[in-house]
Every structure is written in C-alpha cells, then in structure tokens.
C-alpha cells in the first residue's frame, strides 16, 4: 500500500525550473497522467501569471 505519491506531481505542488540562470516558480493546477504532463500556473517575466501544459520532466518539485 502506497501512502504518498513520491514519483509524480499532485495538484497544489510547488514547482520550479531554471532557464538562463533565472528561476521560475509555479503551482500545479491539474495533472494528466495519460499524456504525462502537468498544467502549471507560473510566474512570467511580464509579472502576469501564465497557465500552460508542460511535460512532467520540465518542472522540478520544490523541496519543503
């Protein structure tokens, strides 16, 4: 019996990605296990929130 999901993403997980030495933060708002992707509300350079689908391997979980 698995008590915690240690391999995937869950809704409300905090995630991050580093691109060109800049760290972007986001929150998972939906998952799609069939296509192995997550929908993330992330901060963009324009200061507006953006919501897009990404492959799960693009983002990493924030360790609390």
Protein backbone atom coordinates (compact mmCIF):
# COMPACT_ATOMS: atom_id res chain seq x y z
CA UNK A 1 0.00 0.00 0.00
CA UNK A 2 1.44 3.39 -1.02
CA UNK A 3 0.73 6.20 1.41
CA UNK A 4 2.41 9.01 -0.50
CA UNK A 5 3.00 9.65 -4.18
CA UNK A 6 6.78 10.11 -4.39
CA UNK A 7 7.18 9.85 -8.16
CA UNK A 8 4.61 12.24 -9.58
CA UNK A 9 3.06 15.64 -9.19
CA UNK A 10 -0.11 16.46 -7.30
CA UNK A 11 -2.41 19.48 -7.54
CA UNK A 12 -1.04 22.38 -5.42
CA UNK A 13 2.58 21.11 -5.57
CA UNK A 14 5.08 23.96 -5.76
CA UNK A 15 7.44 23.58 -8.72
CA UNK A 16 10.37 25.41 -10.28
CA UNK A 17 12.53 25.50 -13.40
CA UNK A 18 15.77 27.38 -14.10
CA UNK A 19 16.19 28.91 -17.57
CA UNK A 20 19.16 31.12 -18.46
CA UNK A 21 20.12 31.28 -14.76
CA UNK A 22 16.68 32.67 -13.84
CA UNK A 23 14.41 30.68 -11.54
CA UNK A 24 10.71 30.48 -12.37
CA UNK A 25 8.21 29.27 -9.77
CA UNK A 26 4.81 27.74 -10.30
CA UNK A 27 1.99 25.74 -8.78
CA UNK A 28 0.49 22.60 -10.30
CA UNK A 29 -3.19 23.17 -11.00
CA UNK A 30 -4.01 19.99 -12.97
CA UNK A 31 -2.36 16.68 -13.90
CA UNK A 32 -2.73 14.46 -16.97
CA UNK A 33 -1.16 11.07 -16.28
CA UNK A 34 -2.27 9.69 -19.64
CA UNK A 35 -0.09 12.19 -21.55
CA UNK A 36 2.48 12.54 -18.72
CA UNK A 37 2.02 16.28 -18.34
CA UNK A 38 1.00 18.90 -15.80
CA UNK A 39 -0.77 22.24 -16.05
CA UNK A 40 1.18 24.91 -14.18
CA UNK A 41 0.35 28.45 -13.08
CA UNK A 42 3.80 30.05 -13.26
CA UNK A 43 5.36 33.47 -12.94
CA UNK A 44 6.47 35.03 -16.19
CA UNK A 45 8.87 37.85 -17.00
CA UNK A 46 5.90 40.15 -17.61
CA UNK A 47 4.76 39.76 -13.95
CA UNK A 48 1.48 38.26 -15.18
CA UNK A 49 0.53 34.75 -14.20
CA UNK A 50 0.67 32.29 -17.06
CA UNK A 51 -1.01 28.90 -17.21
CA UNK A 52 0.25 26.25 -19.66
CA UNK A 53 0.67 22.49 -20.06
CA UNK A 54 4.19 21.04 -19.75
CA UNK A 55 5.78 17.61 -19.82
CA UNK A 56 6.36 16.46 -16.25
CA UNK A 57 10.13 16.30 -16.77
CA UNK A 58 10.29 20.08 -17.45
CA UNK A 59 9.49 21.08 -13.86
CA UNK A 60 11.03 20.00 -10.54
CA UNK A 61 9.27 19.92 -7.18
CA UNK A 62 10.21 22.50 -4.57
CA UNK A 63 11.53 20.64 -1.52
CA UNK A 64 9.99 22.00 1.66
